[in-house]
PDB file of N, CA and C in Angstrom:
ATOM      1  N   MET A   1      34.364  44.929  70.071  1.00  0.00           N
ATOM      2  CA  MET A   1      34.684  44.552  71.378  1.00  0.00           C
ATOM      3  C   MET A   1      34.788  43.424  71.403  1.00  0.00           C
ATOM      4  N   GLY A   2      35.502  43.235  72.682  1.00  0.00           N
ATOM      5  CA  GLY A   2      35.965  41.777  73.581  1.00  0.00           C
ATOM      6  C   GLY A   2      35.592  42.157  74.573  1.00  0.00           C
ATOM      7  N   THR A   3      35.038  40.465  75.188  1.00  0.00           N
ATOM      8  CA  THR A   3      34.267  40.586  75.832  1.00  0.00           C
ATOM      9  C   THR A   3      35.098  41.356  77.434  1.00  0.00           C
ATOM     10  N   GLY A   4      36.366  41.368  77.180  1.00  0.00           N
ATOM     11  CA  GLY A   4      37.198  41.905  78.638  1.00  0.00           C
ATOM     12  C   GLY A   4      37.122  43.407  78.521  1.00  0.00           C
ATOM     13  N   ASN A   5      36.653  43.581  77.338  1.00  0.00           N
ATOM     14  CA  ASN A   5      35.718  45.722  77.522  1.00  0.00           C
ATOM     15  C   ASN A   5      34.421  45.639  77.887  1.00  0.00           C
ATOM     16  N   HIS A   6      34.037  45.112  78.357  1.00  0.00           N
ATOM     17  CA  HIS A   6      32.490  45.404  78.522  1.00  0.00           C
ATOM     18  C   HIS A   6      32.483  45.668  80.464  1.00  0.00           C
ATOM     19  N   GLU A   7      31.554  46.131  80.516  1.00  0.00           N
ATOM     20  CA  GLU A   7      31.308  46.454  81.778  1.00  0.00           C
ATOM     21  C   GLU A   7      29.519  46.231  82.142  1.00  0.00           C
ATOM     22  N   VAL A   8      29.311  44.804  83.553  1.00  0.00           N
ATOM     23  CA  VAL A   8      28.523  44.572  84.154  1.00  0.00           C
ATOM     24  C   VAL A   8      27.917  45.244  85.410  1.00  0.00           C
ATOM     25  N   SER A   9      26.907  45.800  85.579  1.00  0.00           N
ATOM     26  CA  SER A   9      26.473  46.545  86.990  1.00  0.00           C
ATOM     27  C   SER A   9      25.287  45.794  86.983  1.00  0.00           C
ATOM     28  N   LEU A  10      25.051  45.955  88.215  1.00  0.00           N
ATOM     29  CA  LEU A  10      23.196  45.601  88.997  1.00  0.00           C
ATOM     30  C   LEU A  10      22.698  46.263  89.926  1.00  0.00           C
ATOM     31  N   LEU A  11      21.916  47.214  89.575  1.00  0.00           N
ATOM     32  CA  LEU A  11      21.338  47.883  90.540  1.00  0.00           C
ATOM     33  C   LEU A  11      20.332  47.178  91.439  1.00  0.00           C
ATOM     34  N   VAL A  12      20.271  47.232  92.871  1.00  0.00           N
ATOM     35  CA  VAL A  12      19.663  46.482  93.843  1.00  0.00           C
ATOM     36  C   VAL A  12      19.172  47.638  94.719  1.00  0.00           C
ATOM     37  N   ARG A  13      18.506  47.358  96.079  1.00  0.00           N
ATOM     38  CA  ARG A  13      18.346  48.232  97.023  1.00  0.00           C
ATOM     39  C   ARG A  13      18.009  46.947  97.994  1.00  0.00           C
ATOM     40  N   GLU A  14      18.761  47.552  99.488  1.00  0.00           N
ATOM     41  CA  GLU A  14      19.238  46.429 100.103  1.00  0.00           C
ATOM     42  C   GLU A  14      17.737  45.842 100.969  1.00  0.00           C
ATOM     43  N   GLY A  15      17.564  44.763 101.217  1.00  0.00           N
ATOM     44  CA  GLY A  15      16.634  43.922 101.636  1.00  0.00           C
ATOM     45  C   GLY A  15      15.725  43.613 100.413  1.00  0.00           C
ATOM     46  N   CYS A  16      15.849  43.568  99.149  1.00  0.00           N
ATOM     47  CA  CYS A  16      15.101  43.204  98.269  1.00  0.00           C
ATOM     48  C   CYS A  16      14.969  41.713  97.812  1.00  0.00           C
ATOM     49  N   GLY A  17      14.243  41.415  98.184  1.00  0.00           N
ATOM     50  CA  GLY A  17      14.145  39.914  98.003  1.00  0.00           C
ATOM     51  C   GLY A  17      14.128  39.107  96.760  1.00  0.00           C
ATOM     52  N   ALA A  18      14.163  40.012  95.367  1.00  0.00           N
ATOM     53  CA  ALA A  18      14.600  39.441  93.873  1.00  0.00           C
ATOM     54  C   ALA A  18      15.703  39.519  94.023  1.00  0.00           C
ATOM     55  N   CYS A  19      16.259  40.274  94.553  1.00  0.00           N
ATOM     56  CA  CYS A  19      18.157  40.774  93.805  1.00  0.00           C
ATOM     57  C   CYS A  19      19.179  39.788  93.858  1.00  0.00           C
ATOM     58  N   ALA A  20      18.673  39.354  95.387  1.00  0.00           N
ATOM     59  CA  ALA A  20      20.088  38.278  95.890  1.00  0.00           C
ATOM     60  C   ALA A  20      20.017  37.121  94.804  1.00  0.00           C
ATOM     61  N   PRO A  21      19.124  36.575  94.576  1.00  0.00           N
ATOM     62  CA  PRO A  21      19.523  35.308  93.346  1.00  0.00           C
ATOM     63  C   PRO A  21      19.758  35.859  91.863  1.00  0.00           C
ATOM     64  N   VAL A  22      19.248  37.221  91.488  1.00  0.00           N
ATOM     65  CA  VAL A  22      19.330  37.756  90.475  1.00  0.00           C
ATOM     66  C   VAL A  22      20.954  37.670  90.305  1.00  0.00           C
ATOM     67  N   ARG A  23      21.581  38.553  91.433  1.00  0.00           N
ATOM     68  CA  ARG A  23      22.888  38.896  91.699  1.00  0.00           C
ATOM     69  C   ARG A  23      23.943  37.216  91.457  1.00  0.00           C
ATOM     70  N   ASP A  24      23.094  36.505  92.004  1.00  0.00           N
ATOM     71  CA  ASP A  24      23.971  35.267  92.199  1.00  0.00           C
ATOM     72  C   ASP A  24      24.108  34.644  90.942  1.00  0.00           C
ATOM     73  N   GLN A  25      23.109  34.665  89.627  1.00  0.00           N
ATOM     74  CA  GLN A  25      22.968  34.313  88.578  1.00  0.00           C
ATOM     75  C   GLN A  25      23.788  35.261  87.513  1.00  0.00           C
ATOM     76  N   LEU A  26      23.525  36.004  87.822  1.00  0.00           N
ATOM     77  CA  LEU A  26      24.421  37.288  86.956  1.00  0.00           C
ATOM     78  C   LEU A  26      25.982  37.124  87.427  1.00  0.00           C
ATOM     79  N   SER A  27      26.368  37.118  88.645  1.00  0.00           N
ATOM     80  CA  SER A  27      27.216  36.944  88.557  1.00  0.00           C
ATOM     81  C   SER A  27      28.317  35.510  88.185  1.00  0.00           C
ATOM     82  N   SER A  28      27.317  34.391  87.988  1.00  0.00           N
ATOM     83  CA  SER A  28      27.868  33.143  87.100  1.00  0.00           C
ATOM     84  C   SER A  28      27.937  33.444  86.012  1.00  0.00           C
ATOM     85  N   LEU A  29      26.943  33.817  85.369  1.00  0.00           N
ATOM     86  CA  LEU A  29      26.927  34.053  83.558  1.00  0.00           C
ATOM     87  C   LEU A  29      28.521  34.930  83.304  1.00  0.00           C
ATOM     88  N   CYS A  30      28.490  36.226  84.202  1.00  0.00           N
ATOM     89  CA  CYS A  30      29.648  36.658  84.253  1.00  0.00           C
ATOM     90  C   CYS A  30      31.279  36.614  84.347  1.00  0.00           C
ATOM     91  N   ALA A  31      31.015  35.470  85.344  1.00  0.00           N
ATOM     92  CA  ALA A  31      32.454  34.807  85.865  1.00  0.00           C
ATOM     93  C   ALA A  31      32.869  33.987  83.991  1.00  0.00           C
ATOM     94  N   GLU A  32      31.861  33.543  83.719  1.00  0.00           N
ATOM     95  CA  GLU A  32      32.215  32.752  81.918  1.00  0.00           C
ATOM     96  C   GLU A  32      33.092  33.493  81.208  1.00  0.00           C
ATOM     97  N   PHE A  33      33.091  34.747  81.428  1.00  0.00           N
ATOM     98  CA  PHE A  33      32.969  35.762  80.634  1.00  0.00           C
ATOM     99  C   PHE A  33      34.831  36.233  81.204  1.00  0.00           C
ATOM    100  N   GLY A  34      34.937  35.941  82.470  1.00  0.00           N
ATOM    101  CA  GLY A  34      35.752  36.632  83.377  1.00  0.00           C
ATOM    102  C   GLY A  34      36.044  38.120  83.787  1.00  0.00           C
ATOM    103  N   LEU A  35      34.354  38.698  83.971  1.00  0.00           N
ATOM    104  CA  LEU A  35      34.030  39.409  83.984  1.00  0.00           C
ATOM    105  C   LEU A  35      33.290  39.639  85.482  1.00  0.00           C
ATOM    106  N   GLU A  36      33.632  40.554  86.240  1.00  0.00           N
ATOM    107  CA  GLU A  36      33.166  40.690  87.808  1.00  0.00           C
ATOM    108  C   GLU A  36      31.470  41.796  87.507  1.00  0.00           C
ATOM    109  N   VAL A  37      30.845  41.447  88.372  1.00  0.00           N
ATOM    110  CA  VAL A  37      29.364  42.181  88.463  1.00  0.00           C
ATOM    111  C   VAL A  37      29.685  43.362  89.551  1.00  0.00           C
ATOM    112  N   THR A  38      29.137  44.526  88.896  1.00  0.00           N
ATOM    113  CA  THR A  38      29.711  45.859  90.279  1.00  0.00           C
ATOM    114  C   THR A  38      27.917  45.750  90.783  1.00  0.00           C
ATOM    115  N   CYS A  39      27.921  45.565  91.865  1.00  0.00           N
ATOM    116  CA  CYS A  39      26.430  46.362  92.399  1.00  0.00           C
ATOM    117  C   CYS A  39      26.169  47.488  92.891  1.00  0.00           C
ATOM    118  N   ILE A  40      24.979  47.934  92.426  1.00  0.00           N
ATOM    119  CA  ILE A  40      24.686  49.336  93.098  1.00  0.00           C
ATOM    120  C   ILE A  40      23.795  49.381  93.994  1.00  0.00           C
ATOM    121  N   ASP A  41      23.655  49.795  94.946  1.00  0.00           N
ATOM    122  CA  ASP A  41      22.304  50.098  95.718  1.00  0.00           C
ATOM    123  C   ASP A  41      22.011  51.228  95.418  1.00  0.00           C
ATOM    124  N   VAL A  42      20.643  51.282  94.712  1.00  0.00           N
ATOM    125  CA  VAL A  42      20.200  52.836  94.397  1.00  0.00           C
ATOM    126  C   VAL A  42      19.561  53.848  95.404  1.00  0.00           C
ATOM    127  N   ASP A  43      19.591  53.318  96.289  1.00  0.00           N
ATOM    128  CA  ASP A  43      18.830  54.137  97.585  1.00  0.00           C
ATOM    129  C   ASP A  43      20.397  54.989  98.336  1.00  0.00           C
ATOM    130  N   ALA A  44      21.791  53.591  98.551  1.00  0.00           N
ATOM    131  CA  ALA A  44      22.652  54.584  98.687  1.00  0.00           C
ATOM    132  C   ALA A  44      23.450  55.584  97.774  1.00  0.00           C
ATOM    133  N   ALA A  45      23.315  55.330  96.095  1.00  0.00           N
ATOM    134  CA  ALA A  45      23.985  56.027  95.289  1.00  0.00           C
ATOM    135  C   ALA A  45      22.833  57.477  95.285  1.00  0.00           C
ATOM    136  N   ALA A  46      21.416  57.526  95.591  1.00  0.00           N
ATOM    137  CA  ALA A  46      20.667  58.456  95.553  1.00  0.00           C
ATOM    138  C   ALA A  46      21.230  59.717  96.057  1.00  0.00           C
ATOM    139  N   ALA A  47      22.603  59.774  96.781  1.00  0.00           N
ATOM    140  CA  ALA A  47      22.976  61.157  97.646  1.00  0.00           C
ATOM    141  C   ALA A  47      24.132  61.908  96.812  1.00  0.00           C
ATOM    142  N   THR A  48      24.464  61.169  96.188  1.00  0.00           N
ATOM    143  CA  THR A  48      25.645  61.564  94.638  1.00  0.00           C
ATOM    144  C   THR A  48      24.593  61.688  93.403  1.00  0.00           C
ATOM    145  N   ASP A  49      23.775  60.559  92.924  1.00  0.00           N
ATOM    146  CA  ASP A  49      22.855  60.173  91.664  1.00  0.00           C
ATOM    147  C   ASP A  49      21.694  60.304  92.165  1.00  0.00           C
ATOM    148  N   PRO A  50      20.872  61.081  91.801  1.00  0.00           N
ATOM    149  CA  PRO A  50      19.557  61.069  92.872  1.00  0.00           C
ATOM    150  C   PRO A  50      18.329  60.411  91.291  1.00  0.00           C
ATOM    151  N   GLU A  51      19.185  60.595  89.931  1.00  0.00           N
ATOM    152  CA  GLU A  51      18.733  59.976  89.163  1.00  0.00           C
ATOM    153  C   GLU A  51      18.702  58.661  88.509  1.00  0.00           C
ATOM    154  N   LEU A  52      19.586  57.701  88.964  1.00  0.00           N
ATOM    155  CA  LEU A  52      19.621  56.565  89.030  1.00  0.00           C
ATOM    156  C   LEU A  52      18.368  55.949  89.900  1.00  0.00           C
ATOM    157  N   ARG A  53      17.815  56.327  91.143  1.00  0.00           N
ATOM    158  CA  ARG A  53      16.777  55.816  91.708  1.00  0.00           C
ATOM    159  C   ARG A  53      15.720  56.243  90.902  1.00  0.00           C
ATOM    160  N   ALA A  54      15.263  57.414  90.177  1.00  0.00           N
ATOM    161  CA  ALA A  54      14.669  57.880  89.895  1.00  0.00           C
ATOM    162  C   ALA A  54      14.207  57.201  88.502  1.00  0.00           C
ATOM    163  N   GLU A  55      14.923  57.095  88.278  1.00  0.00           N
ATOM    164  CA  GLU A  55      15.119  56.121  86.627  1.00  0.00           C
ATOM    165  C   GLU A  55      14.371  54.651  87.213  1.00  0.00           C
ATOM    166  N   PHE A  56      15.407  53.929  87.841  1.00  0.00           N
ATOM    167  CA  PHE A  56      15.119  52.383  88.002  1.00  0.00           C
ATOM    168  C   PHE A  56      14.807  52.157  89.111  1.00  0.00           C
ATOM    169  N   GLY A  57      14.507  52.849  90.438  1.00  0.00           N
ATOM    170  CA  GLY A  57      13.966  52.141  91.800  1.00  0.00           C
ATOM    171  C   GLY A  57      12.773  51.550  91.286  1.00  0.00           C
ATOM    172  N   ASP A  58      12.022  51.661  90.494  1.00  0.00           N
ATOM    173  CA  ASP A  58      10.635  51.252  90.775  1.00  0.00           C
ATOM    174  C   ASP A  58      10.235  49.436  90.418  1.00  0.00           C
ATOM    175  N   ARG A  59      11.535  49.504  89.225  1.00  0.00           N
ATOM    176  CA  ARG A  59      11.915  47.710  88.812  1.00  0.00           C
ATOM    177  C   ARG A  59      13.144  47.261  89.004  1.00  0.00           C
ATOM    178  N   LEU A  60      13.384  46.927  90.112  1.00  0.00           N
ATOM    179  CA  LEU A  60      14.552  46.546  90.485  1.00  0.00           C
ATOM    180  C   LEU A  60      14.455  45.022  90.623  1.00  0.00           C
ATOM    181  N   PRO A  61      15.377  44.476  90.689  1.00  0.00           N
ATOM    182  CA  PRO A  61      16.855  44.867  90.070  1.00  0.00           C
ATOM    183  C   PRO A  61      17.091  44.717  88.493  1.00  0.00           C
ATOM    184  N   VAL A  62      17.877  45.355  88.214  1.00  0.00           N
ATOM    185  CA  VAL A  62      18.033  46.323  86.516  1.00  0.00           C
ATOM    186  C   VAL A  62      19.499  46.203  86.476  1.00  0.00           C
ATOM    187  N   VAL A  63      19.489  45.129  85.551  1.00  0.00           N
ATOM    188  CA  VAL A  63      20.697  45.006  84.745  1.00  0.00           C
ATOM    189  C   VAL A  63      21.487  45.615  83.777  1.00  0.00           C
ATOM    190  N   LEU A  64      22.465  46.083  83.914  1.00  0.00           N
ATOM    191  CA  LEU A  64      23.264  47.072  82.890  1.00  0.00           C
ATOM    192  C   LEU A  64      24.586  46.742  82.136  1.00  0.00           C
ATOM    193  N   LEU A  65      24.575  46.810  81.014  1.00  0.00           N
ATOM    194  CA  LEU A  65      25.483  46.520  80.141  1.00  0.00           C
ATOM    195  C   LEU A  65      26.459  47.800  79.641  1.00  0.00           C
ATOM    196  N   ASP A  66      27.641  47.848  79.860  1.00  0.00           N
ATOM    197  CA  ASP A  66      28.333  49.219  79.982  1.00  0.00           C
ATOM    198  C   ASP A  66      27.645  50.769  79.889  1.00  0.00           C
ATOM    199  N   GLY A  67      26.493  50.581  81.008  1.00  0.00           N
ATOM    200  CA  GLY A  67      25.909  51.398  81.759  1.00  0.00           C
ATOM    201  C   GLY A  67      24.666  51.841  80.746  1.00  0.00           C
ATOM    202  N   LYS A  68      24.310  50.786  80.216  1.00  0.00           N
ATOM    203  CA  LYS A  68      22.789  50.669  79.373  1.00  0.00           C
ATOM    204  C   LYS A  68      21.865  49.882  79.362  1.00  0.00           C
ATOM    205  N   GLU A  69      20.612  50.196  80.157  1.00  0.00           N
ATOM    206  CA  GLU A  69      19.544  49.123  80.724  1.00  0.00           C
ATOM    207  C   GLU A  69      19.697  47.822  79.710  1.00  0.00           C
ATOM    208  N   HIS A  70      20.035  46.928  80.337  1.00  0.00           N
ATOM    209  CA  HIS A  70      20.027  45.514  79.509  1.00  0.00           C
ATOM    210  C   HIS A  70      18.764  44.461  79.898  1.00  0.00           C
ATOM    211  N   SER A  71      18.466  44.694  81.252  1.00  0.00           N
ATOM    212  CA  SER A  71      17.296  44.228  81.271  1.00  0.00           C
ATOM    213  C   SER A  71      16.550  44.184  82.583  1.00  0.00           C
ATOM    214  N   TYR A  72      15.550  43.959  83.482  1.00  0.00           N
ATOM    215  CA  TYR A  72      15.211  44.418  84.669  1.00  0.00           C
ATOM    216  C   TYR A  72      14.371  42.866  85.255  1.00  0.00           C
ATOM    217  N   TRP A  73      14.229  42.817  86.219  1.00  0.00           N
ATOM    218  CA  TRP A  73      13.864  42.156  87.810  1.00  0.00           C
ATOM    219  C   TRP A  73      14.298  40.342  87.062  1.00  0.00           C
ATOM    220  N   ASP A  74      15.012  40.284  85.968  1.00  0.00           N
ATOM    221  CA  ASP A  74      15.328  39.204  85.462  1.00  0.00           C
ATOM    222  C   ASP A  74      16.564  39.171  84.649  1.00  0.00           C
ATOM    223  N   VAL A  75      17.479  38.302  84.851  1.00  0.00           N
ATOM    224  CA  VAL A  75      18.466  37.907  83.410  1.00  0.00           C
ATOM    225  C   VAL A  75      18.184  37.538  82.077  1.00  0.00           C
ATOM    226  N   ASP A  76      18.744  38.111  80.770  1.00  0.00           N
ATOM    227  CA  ASP A  76      17.972  37.597  80.195  1.00  0.00           C
ATOM    228  C   ASP A  76      19.256  36.927  80.032  1.00  0.00           C
ATOM    229  N   GLU A  77      19.787  35.646  79.922  1.00  0.00           N
ATOM    230  CA  GLU A  77      21.106  35.275  79.617  1.00  0.00           C
ATOM    231  C   GLU A  77      21.218  34.980  78.303  1.00  0.00           C
ATOM    232  N   GLU A  78      20.820  34.601  77.133  1.00  0.00           N
ATOM    233  CA  GLU A  78      20.759  34.506  76.333  1.00  0.00           C
ATOM    234  C   GLU A  78      21.517  35.608  75.584  1.00  0.00           C
ATOM    235  N   ARG A  79      20.487  36.344  75.793  1.00  0.00           N
ATOM    236  CA  ARG A  79      20.758  38.104  75.023  1.00  0.00           C
ATOM    237  C   ARG A  79      22.035  38.533  75.641  1.00  0.00           C
ATOM    238  N   LEU A  80      22.221  38.549  76.955  1.00  0.00           N
ATOM    239  CA  LEU A  80      23.416  38.743  77.820  1.00  0.00           C
ATOM    240  C   LEU A  80      24.969  38.463  76.899  1.00  0.00           C
ATOM    241  N   ARG A  81      24.370  36.938  76.852  1.00  0.00           N
ATOM    242  CA  ARG A  81      25.749  36.197  76.741  1.00  0.00           C
ATOM    243  C   ARG A  81      25.867  36.470  75.183  1.00  0.00           C
ATOM    244  N   ASN A  82      25.039  36.699  74.764  1.00  0.00           N
ATOM    245  CA  ASN A  82      25.414  37.027  73.043  1.00  0.00           C
ATOM    246  C   ASN A  82      26.042  38.609  72.603  1.00  0.00           C
ATOM    247  N   ASP A  83      25.561  39.670  73.742  1.00  0.00           N
ATOM    248  CA  ASP A  83      25.642  40.662  74.022  1.00  0.00           C
ATOM    249  C   ASP A  83      27.604  40.654  74.296  1.00  0.00           C
ATOM    250  N   LEU A  84      27.712  39.938  75.363  1.00  0.00           N
ATOM    251  CA  LEU A  84      28.774  40.206  76.056  1.00  0.00           C
ATOM    252  C   LEU A  84      29.967  39.639  74.999  1.00  0.00           C
ATOM    253  N   ARG A  85      29.511  38.541  74.010  1.00  0.00           N
ATOM    254  CA  ARG A  85      30.014  38.399  72.938  1.00  0.00           C
ATOM    255  C   ARG A  85      30.831  39.169  71.818  1.00  0.00           C
ATOM    256  N   LYS A  86      30.182  40.257  71.556  1.00  0.00           N
ATOM    257  CA  LYS A  86      30.381  41.377  70.695  1.00  0.00           C
ATOM    258  C   LYS A  86      31.761  42.242  70.913  1.00  0.00           C
TER     259      LYS A  86
END
């Protein structure tokens, strides 16, 4: 799978102090691969996807790669770069 085929999402919560720096770090890293980061507020999404908040809400921010949890609380840059190259 080439780098253009990956989807990177960041699960966040409004007012989360840890979420903004991780979003910036993740956006910079993904830009190297020509990817956009999709930010999803788990509280806003709870109306249509309550499982998202139930599963991830206590350890935000969470990085999802292709819909699967990749890391939480920070970005594992080396591992993410390697996985995006696949």
